[in-house]
Amino acid sequence: MSKIKTSFFCQNCGTSYSKWQGQCYTCKEWNTIAEEIIQKEEKVAWKNSEKETSKAAKPLRIKEIDSSQEIRLNTTDNELNRVLGGGLVPGSLTLLGGEPGIGKSTLLLQISLKLPYKTLYVSGEESMKQIKMRAERIIPNSENCYILTETKTQNIFRQISEMQPEIVIIDSIQTLHTDYIESSAGSISQIRECTAELIKFAKETNTPVILIGHITKDGTIAGPKILEHMVDTVLQFEGDRNHVYRILRSLKNRFGSTAELGIYEMLGNGLREVENPSEILISHKEEELSGTAIACTLEGMRPLMIEIQALVSSAVYGTPQRSTTGYNAKRLNMILAVLEKRAGFRLGTKDVFLNVTGGISVDDTAIDLAVVAAILSSNEDIAIEEGFCFAGEVGLSGEIRPVNRIDQRIQEAEKLGFTTILVSKHNKISLKNTKIKVVLVSKIEDVVSELFG
């Protein structure tokens, strides 16, 4: 046994120090440095005797490296496949984070029950009976899913070597601990060492591993920042627990794009994939109301039709209120200034409330035109005709600027039954023989005359 060594780690960023101090020099946080005992044995945690080799890796010319496409494992979940870039890559490590109770465990248990591969679901937070009760609500019987309740990595690897699973799911990395580090589970040292052992196992056996990670009150993955650097893919599962819809985003992906988005609906029997997100983002109303406009936005490669709601009313108090939900408040102030300066609308003494329905946040500037239309509709108290939608960015001089991938946006609007779409006249549209009417506008005045003229 090696000599016991102690070190001091920042619980916020993971930086190590030789002695205690009040402030971390790296992240500038106070009172986050704690002492941890480090006691490592000479032996390794994961040892695969069948595949272990004494040969060291040799350098190859770049033209000699095999560049054939890696075969991916289908997760049977189209939304997860899209976010991952086509499926699970053998030997990859994926980290899934999210708020408590958002549905991380439900999502991975549901996938493990459907997978056609032998899957080991390791839980350090729930008993087998609890997992069985949840599994019966989703899929009563599964031949390929094995449940293990264990927190010590040595015991987990012993079971793995016996059953040889094709996919391993860990719920969660903060509950694991190894005998080679003398500190409590969830500490910086334990998270780093357990993750390193799982990476070694994944790379040597070519087995994909999925980890569930806790998050802090700030919304970041709990533990050292190096955890996100060590894994191949970082996924974020987000949404409001009071709403039934969940969004899966990719924050880091070594095997695909980070611009993709997956949407789920939480039901009593698990999570349902939402193949047409526009169905949940557009409200169904029997009568036309002022202050609503439909925008065509993009999330990654996916076009979405979202509803923008605006309410403009006389300010009751001295200072007018500007309130937004799901939209940048500073950008709303900029658009209101453009409407007053360039188009002559007196909105400086009025309250303006803006809402993106569905509980999502949108950063796409292409919804500016729909925001303008909704504000003007509410201000004039004139409803926008049914079947109209918008895709355009508003500049500071009041011009309507072109947006990217306009053909895709027009096709999505046509597919969902819209009859007219307003876009910038500077957009280069290559579509022909479309049923939807494309109206080209260059200034806000053109939009006003088209909608209310």
Protein backbone atom coordinates (compact mmCIF):
# COMPACT_ATOMS: atom_id res chain seq x y z
CA MET A 1 0.00 0.00 0.00
CA SER A 2 1.41 3.37 -1.00
CA LYS A 3 1.81 6.22 1.47
CA ILE A 4 -1.36 8.19 2.19
CA LYS A 5 -1.35 11.57 0.49
CA THR A 6 -3.72 14.46 0.94
CA SER A 7 -4.52 17.21 -1.50
CA PHE A 8 -6.90 20.13 -1.64
CA PHE A 9 -9.42 20.39 -4.48
CA CYS A 10 -11.83 23.15 -5.50
CA GLN A 11 -15.32 21.63 -5.36
CA ASN A 12 -16.45 24.00 -8.11
CA CYS A 13 -13.82 23.63 -10.86
CA GLY A 14 -11.56 20.78 -9.69
CA THR A 15 -8.29 22.73 -9.42
CA SER A 16 -5.86 21.12 -6.94
CA TYR A 17 -3.75 22.98 -4.37
CA SER A 18 -0.97 21.87 -2.03
CA LYS A 19 -2.56 23.66 0.94
CA TRP A 20 -5.90 25.15 1.92
CA GLN A 21 -6.81 28.71 0.93
CA GLY A 22 -9.98 30.76 1.02
CA GLN A 23 -10.39 31.58 -2.66
CA CYS A 24 -9.82 29.46 -5.76
CA TYR A 25 -7.53 31.32 -8.16
CA THR A 26 -9.03 29.57 -11.19
CA CYS A 27 -12.80 30.13 -10.80
CA LYS A 28 -12.57 32.96 -8.20
CA GLU A 29 -15.10 31.22 -5.89
CA TRP A 30 -14.75 31.47 -2.11
CA ASN A 31 -14.85 28.61 0.44
CA THR A 32 -14.98 25.85 -2.20
CA ILE A 33 -11.60 24.22 -1.46
CA ALA A 34 -11.75 21.00 0.55
CA GLU A 35 -9.16 18.46 1.64
CA GLU A 36 -9.36 14.95 0.18
CA ILE A 37 -7.29 11.87 0.95
CA ILE A 38 -5.75 10.27 -2.12
CA GLN A 39 -4.60 6.66 -1.72
CA LYS A 40 -4.07 4.79 -4.97
CA GLU A 41 -2.99 1.16 -5.31
CA GLU A 42 -0.59 -0.02 -7.96
CA LYS A 43 -3.11 -2.34 -9.64
CA VAL A 44 -5.56 -1.16 -12.28
CA ALA A 45 -9.32 -1.09 -11.85
CA TRP A 46 -10.29 -2.63 -15.18
CA LYS A 47 -8.20 -5.42 -16.62
CA ASN A 48 -9.37 -7.30 -19.67
CA SER A 49 -7.04 -10.28 -19.82
CA GLU A 50 -8.44 -11.60 -23.09
CA LYS A 51 -7.93 -8.40 -25.07
CA GLU A 52 -4.99 -6.93 -23.14
CA THR A 53 -1.83 -6.70 -25.19
CA SER A 54 1.73 -5.74 -24.39
CA LYS A 55 2.27 -4.02 -27.72
CA ALA A 56 2.48 -0.26 -27.56
CA ALA A 57 0.66 1.91 -30.09
CA LYS A 58 2.74 2.87 -33.12
CA PRO A 59 2.47 6.09 -35.13
CA LEU A 60 0.91 5.82 -38.60
CA ARG A 61 0.94 8.12 -41.58
CA ILE A 62 -2.36 9.93 -41.79
CA LYS A 63 -3.07 8.35 -45.20
CA GLU A 64 -2.60 4.88 -43.66
CA ILE A 65 -5.33 5.42 -41.03
CA ASP A 66 -8.61 3.66 -41.78
CA SER A 67 -11.21 6.38 -42.37
CA SER A 68 -14.24 4.12 -42.90
CA GLN A 69 -17.43 5.27 -41.21
CA GLU A 70 -17.89 3.94 -37.67
CA ILE A 71 -20.84 1.57 -37.36
CA ARG A 72 -23.36 3.03 -34.91
CA LEU A 73 -25.76 1.18 -32.63
CA ASN A 74 -29.40 2.09 -33.19
CA THR A 75 -31.01 3.14 -29.89
CA THR A 76 -34.55 2.55 -31.35
CA ASP A 77 -35.28 6.17 -30.31
CA ASN A 78 -35.36 8.50 -33.31
CA GLU A 79 -35.01 11.66 -31.21
CA LEU A 80 -31.96 10.35 -29.33
CA ASN A 81 -30.43 9.03 -32.56
CA ARG A 82 -30.81 12.47 -34.14
CA VAL A 83 -29.16 14.26 -31.21
CA LEU A 84 -26.30 11.73 -31.06
CA GLY A 85 -25.69 12.09 -34.80
CA GLY A 86 -27.07 8.71 -35.91
CA GLY A 87 -26.80 6.42 -32.89
CA LEU A 88 -24.34 5.24 -30.23
CA VAL A 89 -20.71 4.89 -31.31
CA PRO A 90 -19.00 1.72 -29.96
CA GLY A 91 -16.48 2.58 -27.27
CA SER A 92 -17.96 6.04 -26.65
CA LEU A 93 -18.80 7.63 -23.31
CA THR A 94 -21.99 9.73 -23.18
CA LEU A 95 -22.95 11.98 -20.25
CA LEU A 96 -26.61 12.91 -19.72
CA GLY A 97 -27.38 15.78 -17.33
CA GLY A 98 -30.57 17.49 -16.21
CA GLU A 99 -32.67 18.82 -13.33
CA PRO A 100 -33.81 16.39 -10.59
CA GLY A 101 -37.06 14.68 -11.59
CA ILE A 102 -36.90 15.83 -15.22
CA GLY A 103 -36.90 12.25 -16.54
CA LYS A 104 -33.24 11.25 -17.08
CA SER A 105 -33.60 7.82 -15.50
CA THR A 106 -36.96 7.26 -17.21
CA LEU A 107 -35.47 8.07 -20.62
CA LEU A 108 -32.49 5.73 -20.28
CA LEU A 109 -34.52 2.93 -18.66
CA GLN A 110 -37.08 3.19 -21.46
CA ILE A 111 -34.33 2.97 -24.08
CA SER A 112 -32.58 0.07 -22.33
CA LEU A 113 -35.88 -1.88 -22.25
CA LYS A 114 -36.33 -1.40 -26.01
CA LEU A 115 -32.75 -2.05 -27.11
CA PRO A 116 -32.11 -5.26 -29.08
CA TYR A 117 -28.65 -5.45 -27.47
CA LYS A 118 -27.70 -6.97 -24.11
CA THR A 119 -27.83 -3.95 -21.79
CA LEU A 120 -26.65 -3.60 -18.20
CA TYR A 121 -28.44 -0.83 -16.27
CA VAL A 122 -26.45 -0.03 -13.11
CA SER A 123 -28.27 2.05 -10.50
CA GLY A 124 -26.74 3.50 -7.37
CA GLU A 125 -29.83 5.50 -6.43
CA GLU A 126 -32.77 3.08 -6.62
CA SER A 127 -33.46 -0.48 -5.55
CA MET A 128 -34.32 -3.24 -8.02
CA LYS A 129 -37.98 -3.19 -6.93
CA GLN A 130 -38.26 0.54 -7.59
CA ILE A 131 -36.78 0.11 -11.07
CA LYS A 132 -39.06 -2.88 -11.72
CA MET A 133 -42.14 -0.82 -10.78
CA ARG A 134 -41.12 1.92 -13.23
CA ALA A 135 -40.26 -0.61 -15.94
CA GLU A 136 -43.73 -2.22 -15.69
CA ARG A 137 -45.32 1.14 -16.55
CA ILE A 138 -43.14 1.48 -19.65
CA ILE A 139 -42.52 -2.03 -21.05
CA PRO A 140 -43.58 -4.95 -18.82
CA ASN A 141 -41.19 -7.56 -20.21
CA SER A 142 -37.73 -7.20 -21.72
CA GLU A 143 -35.34 -10.01 -22.55
CA ASN A 144 -32.17 -7.93 -23.01
CA CYS A 145 -32.18 -5.54 -20.02
CA TYR A 146 -30.28 -6.53 -16.85
CA ILE A 147 -30.54 -4.47 -13.64
CA LEU A 148 -27.71 -4.14 -11.12
CA THR A 149 -27.84 -2.03 -7.95
CA GLU A 150 -24.22 -1.37 -7.01
CA THR A 151 -21.97 1.61 -6.28
CA LYS A 152 -18.48 0.08 -6.06
CA THR A 153 -16.75 0.04 -9.43
CA GLN A 154 -14.78 -3.15 -8.68
CA ASN A 155 -18.04 -5.10 -8.17
CA ILE A 156 -19.57 -3.53 -11.29
CA PHE A 157 -16.60 -4.55 -13.45
CA ARG A 158 -16.73 -8.06 -11.99
CA GLN A 159 -20.35 -8.41 -13.12
CA ILE A 160 -19.52 -6.87 -16.50
CA SER A 161 -16.75 -9.39 -17.12
CA GLU A 162 -19.17 -12.24 -16.33
CA MET A 163 -22.14 -11.18 -18.49
CA GLN A 164 -20.30 -9.25 -21.27
CA PRO A 165 -22.98 -6.59 -21.99
CA GLU A 166 -23.07 -4.70 -25.28
CA ILE A 167 -24.19 -1.40 -23.66
CA VAL A 168 -23.65 -0.16 -20.08
CA ILE A 169 -25.78 2.55 -18.42
CA ILE A 170 -24.67 4.12 -15.10
CA ASP A 171 -27.21 5.97 -12.93
CA SER A 172 -25.43 8.03 -11.74
CA ILE A 173 -21.70 8.79 -11.84
CA GLN A 174 -21.93 10.79 -8.59
CA THR A 175 -22.97 7.65 -6.64
CA LEU A 176 -20.01 5.49 -7.73
CA HIS A 177 -16.86 5.01 -5.69
CA THR A 178 -13.65 3.04 -6.14
CA ASP A 179 -11.43 1.42 -3.51
CA TYR A 180 -8.37 3.05 -5.03
CA ILE A 181 -9.38 6.53 -3.85
CA GLU A 182 -9.96 7.15 -0.14
CA SER A 183 -12.68 9.82 -0.30
CA SER A 184 -16.45 9.89 -0.23
CA ALA A 185 -18.64 9.18 -3.27
CA GLY A 186 -19.41 12.27 -5.31
CA SER A 187 -16.15 14.04 -4.45
CA ILE A 188 -13.87 15.47 -7.12
CA SER A 189 -11.35 12.62 -6.81
CA GLN A 190 -13.97 9.84 -6.92
CA ILE A 191 -15.81 11.28 -9.95
CA ARG A 192 -12.56 11.74 -11.86
CA GLU A 193 -11.20 8.27 -11.02
CA CYS A 194 -14.48 6.39 -11.65
CA THR A 195 -14.91 8.14 -14.99
CA ALA A 196 -11.32 7.29 -15.94
CA GLU A 197 -11.95 3.60 -15.13
CA LEU A 198 -15.13 3.60 -17.26
CA ILE A 199 -13.30 5.28 -20.15
CA LYS A 200 -10.56 2.65 -20.00
CA PHE A 201 -13.19 -0.10 -20.00
CA ALA A 202 -15.15 1.46 -22.90
CA LYS A 203 -12.11 1.99 -25.12
CA GLU A 204 -10.57 -1.46 -24.46
CA THR A 205 -13.80 -3.43 -24.98
CA ASN A 206 -15.42 -1.14 -27.58
CA THR A 207 -18.55 -1.00 -25.40
CA PRO A 208 -20.60 2.23 -25.33
CA VAL A 209 -21.22 3.61 -21.83
CA ILE A 210 -23.93 6.14 -20.89
CA LEU A 211 -23.61 8.08 -17.64
CA ILE A 212 -26.25 10.10 -15.82
CA GLY A 213 -24.83 13.19 -14.14
CA HIS A 214 -26.28 15.48 -11.48
CA ILE A 215 -26.30 19.24 -12.04
CA THR A 216 -25.69 22.18 -9.73
CA LYS A 217 -28.16 24.96 -8.94
CA ASP A 218 -26.59 26.96 -11.79
CA GLY A 219 -27.54 24.25 -14.29
CA THR A 220 -24.00 22.96 -14.95
CA ILE A 221 -22.86 19.35 -14.56
CA ALA A 222 -21.92 18.68 -10.92
CA GLY A 223 -18.31 17.76 -10.25
CA PRO A 224 -15.10 18.89 -11.89
CA LYS A 225 -15.24 20.55 -15.31
CA ILE A 226 -12.77 17.93 -16.49
CA LEU A 227 -15.63 15.40 -16.42
CA GLU A 228 -17.17 17.07 -19.48
CA HIS A 229 -13.76 17.10 -21.20
CA MET A 230 -13.18 13.39 -20.55
CA VAL A 231 -16.42 12.10 -22.09
CA ASP A 232 -17.19 12.03 -25.83
CA THR A 233 -20.73 13.41 -25.73
CA VAL A 234 -22.56 15.68 -23.27
CA LEU A 235 -26.36 15.76 -23.49
CA GLN A 236 -28.66 18.12 -21.60
CA PHE A 237 -32.22 17.05 -20.76
CA GLU A 238 -34.26 20.15 -19.94
CA GLY A 239 -37.78 21.42 -19.53
CA ASP A 240 -40.20 22.54 -16.85
CA ARG A 241 -41.38 19.84 -14.46
CA ASN A 242 -44.79 21.53 -14.48
CA HIS A 243 -45.09 20.99 -18.24
CA VAL A 244 -45.19 17.68 -20.07
CA TYR A 245 -42.64 18.52 -22.77
CA ARG A 246 -38.92 17.83 -22.52
CA ILE A 247 -36.08 18.94 -24.79
CA LEU A 248 -32.86 16.97 -25.36
CA ARG A 249 -29.86 19.03 -26.51
CA SER A 250 -26.26 18.16 -27.32
CA LEU A 251 -23.70 20.42 -25.63
CA LYS A 252 -20.68 18.46 -26.90
CA ASN A 253 -20.44 15.73 -29.51
CA ARG A 254 -17.22 14.31 -30.94
CA PHE A 255 -19.16 12.20 -33.45
CA GLY A 256 -21.80 14.62 -34.75
CA SER A 257 -23.38 18.05 -34.69
CA THR A 258 -24.26 19.92 -31.50
CA ALA A 259 -27.08 21.80 -33.25
CA GLU A 260 -29.66 19.00 -33.15
CA LEU A 261 -32.69 18.89 -30.89
CA GLY A 262 -34.96 16.12 -29.59
CA ILE A 263 -38.43 16.74 -28.14
CA TYR A 264 -40.37 14.36 -25.85
CA GLU A 265 -43.73 14.38 -24.13
CA MET A 266 -43.90 12.98 -20.59
CA LEU A 267 -46.77 10.54 -20.22
CA GLY A 268 -47.80 8.06 -17.56
CA ASN A 269 -46.19 5.18 -19.46
CA GLY A 270 -42.92 6.95 -20.26
CA LEU A 271 -41.64 9.51 -22.73
CA ARG A 272 -43.23 9.83 -26.16
CA GLU A 273 -41.16 11.03 -29.10
CA VAL A 274 -42.64 14.16 -30.67
CA GLU A 275 -41.99 13.77 -34.39
CA ASN A 276 -43.84 16.96 -35.36
CA PRO A 277 -42.88 19.61 -32.75
CA SER A 278 -45.06 22.25 -34.41
CA GLU A 279 -48.15 20.43 -33.09
CA ILE A 280 -47.24 21.42 -29.52
CA LEU A 281 -45.93 24.91 -30.29
CA ILE A 282 -48.99 26.27 -32.12
CA SER A 283 -52.19 26.70 -30.13
CA HIS A 284 -55.53 25.72 -31.67
CA LYS A 285 -58.09 28.50 -31.34
CA GLU A 286 -61.59 28.73 -32.74
CA GLU A 287 -61.60 32.48 -33.36
CA GLU A 288 -58.97 34.88 -34.65
CA LEU A 289 -57.32 36.97 -31.94
CA SER A 290 -55.01 39.94 -32.28
CA GLY A 291 -51.41 39.80 -31.09
CA THR A 292 -50.48 36.33 -32.38
CA ALA A 293 -48.15 35.50 -35.26
CA ILE A 294 -46.52 32.29 -36.47
CA ALA A 295 -42.74 32.23 -37.02
CA CYS A 296 -40.72 29.62 -38.89
CA THR A 297 -37.52 28.94 -36.95
CA LEU A 298 -34.75 26.36 -37.07
CA GLU A 299 -33.31 24.25 -34.27
CA GLY A 300 -30.26 22.58 -35.75
CA MET A 301 -31.37 20.99 -39.00
CA ARG A 302 -35.00 20.93 -37.91
CA PRO A 303 -37.56 23.58 -38.97
CA LEU A 304 -40.20 24.44 -36.35
CA MET A 305 -43.34 26.55 -36.53
CA ILE A 306 -43.78 28.46 -33.27
CA GLU A 307 -46.41 30.91 -32.09
CA ILE A 308 -45.44 34.38 -30.91
CA GLN A 309 -47.93 36.14 -28.62
CA ALA A 310 -47.75 39.87 -27.89
CA LEU A 311 -49.83 42.16 -25.68
CA VAL A 312 -49.53 45.94 -26.04
CA SER A 313 -51.48 48.07 -23.58
CA SER A 314 -51.36 51.55 -22.08
CA ALA A 315 -48.91 51.84 -19.21
CA VAL A 316 -50.74 52.07 -15.89
CA TYR A 317 -47.64 53.16 -13.99
CA GLY A 318 -45.11 55.80 -14.94
CA THR A 319 -42.47 53.49 -16.44
CA PRO A 320 -43.69 51.15 -19.23
CA GLN A 321 -43.03 47.46 -18.65
CA ARG A 322 -41.10 45.25 -21.08
CA SER A 323 -41.52 41.56 -20.29
CA THR A 324 -40.50 38.54 -22.41
CA THR A 325 -40.77 34.78 -22.03
CA GLY A 326 -38.60 32.64 -24.33
CA TYR A 327 -37.20 35.66 -26.21
CA ASN A 328 -34.23 37.98 -25.61
CA ALA A 329 -35.44 41.06 -23.70
CA LYS A 330 -32.69 43.28 -25.13
CA ARG A 331 -33.65 42.29 -28.67
CA LEU A 332 -37.29 43.16 -27.90
CA ASN A 333 -36.20 46.65 -26.77
CA MET A 334 -34.22 47.02 -30.01
CA ILE A 335 -37.23 46.05 -32.14
CA LEU A 336 -39.49 48.47 -30.24
CA ALA A 337 -36.96 51.26 -30.84
CA VAL A 338 -36.88 50.43 -34.57
CA LEU A 339 -40.69 50.47 -34.76
CA GLU A 340 -40.81 53.90 -33.09
CA LYS A 341 -37.91 55.51 -34.94
CA ARG A 342 -38.25 54.00 -38.42
CA ALA A 343 -41.95 53.15 -38.72
CA GLY A 344 -43.52 55.90 -36.60
CA PHE A 345 -45.39 53.71 -34.06
CA ARG A 346 -45.62 55.37 -30.64
CA LEU A 347 -44.88 52.47 -28.29
CA GLY A 348 -42.69 54.33 -25.79
CA THR A 349 -45.58 54.91 -23.38
CA LYS A 350 -47.09 51.43 -23.61
CA ASP A 351 -46.51 48.15 -21.82
CA VAL A 352 -45.30 45.34 -24.11
CA PHE A 353 -45.46 41.67 -23.10
CA LEU A 354 -44.07 38.96 -25.39
CA ASN A 355 -44.39 35.19 -25.06
CA VAL A 356 -43.11 32.23 -27.09
CA THR A 357 -45.68 29.46 -26.58
CA GLY A 358 -44.71 25.92 -25.66
CA GLY A 359 -42.25 26.90 -22.94
CA ILE A 360 -39.19 26.96 -25.21
CA SER A 361 -36.52 29.63 -25.64
CA VAL A 362 -35.57 30.71 -29.17
CA ASP A 363 -32.36 32.50 -30.19
CA ASP A 364 -33.02 32.46 -33.95
CA THR A 365 -33.13 36.03 -35.30
CA ALA A 366 -35.47 34.84 -38.08
CA ILE A 367 -38.44 35.21 -35.70
CA ASP A 368 -37.96 39.01 -35.55
CA LEU A 369 -40.50 39.51 -38.33
CA ALA A 370 -43.14 37.49 -36.45
CA VAL A 371 -42.39 39.50 -33.28
CA VAL A 372 -42.97 42.75 -35.21
CA ALA A 373 -46.21 41.38 -36.70
CA ALA A 374 -47.51 40.24 -33.30
CA ILE A 375 -46.70 43.59 -31.65
CA LEU A 376 -48.34 45.62 -34.43
CA SER A 377 -51.37 43.31 -34.45
CA SER A 378 -51.89 43.80 -30.72
CA ASN A 379 -51.26 47.55 -30.96
CA GLU A 380 -53.82 47.99 -33.75
CA ASP A 381 -56.10 45.29 -32.28
CA ILE A 382 -56.39 43.69 -35.71
CA ALA A 383 -55.96 39.94 -36.04
CA ILE A 384 -53.52 38.56 -38.60
CA GLU A 385 -55.26 36.43 -41.21
CA GLU A 386 -55.17 32.70 -40.63
CA GLY A 387 -52.56 30.93 -42.75
CA PHE A 388 -49.89 33.66 -42.52
CA CYS A 389 -46.39 32.92 -41.21
CA PHE A 390 -43.10 34.87 -41.11
CA ALA A 391 -39.35 34.31 -41.52
CA GLY A 392 -37.08 37.35 -41.50
CA GLU A 393 -34.60 39.35 -39.43
CA VAL A 394 -35.19 43.01 -38.62
CA GLY A 395 -32.25 45.43 -38.94
CA LEU A 396 -31.67 48.70 -37.10
CA SER A 397 -32.64 50.76 -40.12
CA GLY A 398 -36.00 49.00 -40.37
CA GLU A 399 -35.00 46.75 -43.28
CA ILE A 400 -36.00 43.07 -43.45
CA ARG A 401 -32.81 41.04 -43.73
CA PRO A 402 -32.52 37.58 -45.32
CA VAL A 403 -32.21 34.42 -43.20
CA ASN A 404 -30.44 31.15 -43.88
CA ARG A 405 -32.01 27.98 -45.32
CA ILE A 406 -35.14 29.77 -46.45
CA ASP A 407 -36.16 26.92 -48.79
CA GLN A 408 -36.42 24.53 -45.85
CA ARG A 409 -38.54 27.00 -43.89
CA ILE A 410 -40.92 27.51 -46.82
CA GLN A 411 -41.29 23.75 -47.33
CA GLU A 412 -42.12 23.23 -43.64
CA ALA A 413 -44.75 26.01 -43.74
CA GLU A 414 -46.30 24.51 -46.85
CA LYS A 415 -46.32 21.03 -45.33
CA LEU A 416 -48.23 22.29 -42.29
CA GLY A 417 -50.91 23.95 -44.40
CA PHE A 418 -49.93 27.63 -44.29
CA THR A 419 -51.06 29.65 -47.30
CA THR A 420 -48.77 32.72 -47.16
CA ILE A 421 -45.24 33.33 -45.86
CA LEU A 422 -43.53 36.74 -45.60
CA VAL A 423 -39.77 36.70 -46.22
CA SER A 424 -37.09 39.22 -47.16
CA LYS A 425 -36.88 40.11 -50.83
CA HIS A 426 -33.09 39.69 -50.60
CA ASN A 427 -33.44 35.95 -49.96
CA LYS A 428 -32.45 33.71 -52.86
CA ILE A 429 -35.33 31.25 -53.21
CA SER A 430 -34.71 28.26 -55.48
CA LEU A 431 -38.06 26.52 -54.89
CA LYS A 432 -40.48 26.30 -57.81
CA ASN A 433 -44.09 25.17 -58.17
CA THR A 434 -44.90 25.70 -54.49
CA LYS A 435 -48.52 25.97 -53.40
CA ILE A 436 -47.74 28.46 -50.64
CA LYS A 437 -47.73 32.16 -51.59
CA VAL A 438 -44.32 33.76 -50.92
CA VAL A 439 -44.55 37.51 -50.23
CA LEU A 440 -41.26 39.44 -50.52
CA VAL A 441 -40.85 42.46 -48.22
CA SER A 442 -37.93 44.84 -47.80
CA LYS A 443 -39.05 47.25 -45.04
CA ILE A 444 -41.41 47.30 -42.06
CA GLU A 445 -43.73 49.54 -44.07
CA ASP A 446 -44.17 46.72 -46.58
CA VAL A 447 -45.16 44.36 -43.75
CA VAL A 448 -47.72 46.85 -42.40
CA SER A 449 -49.32 47.40 -45.80
CA GLU A 450 -49.44 43.64 -46.46
CA LEU A 451 -51.05 42.79 -43.12
CA PHE A 452 -53.23 45.83 -42.37
CA GLY A 453 -53.35 47.76 -45.64
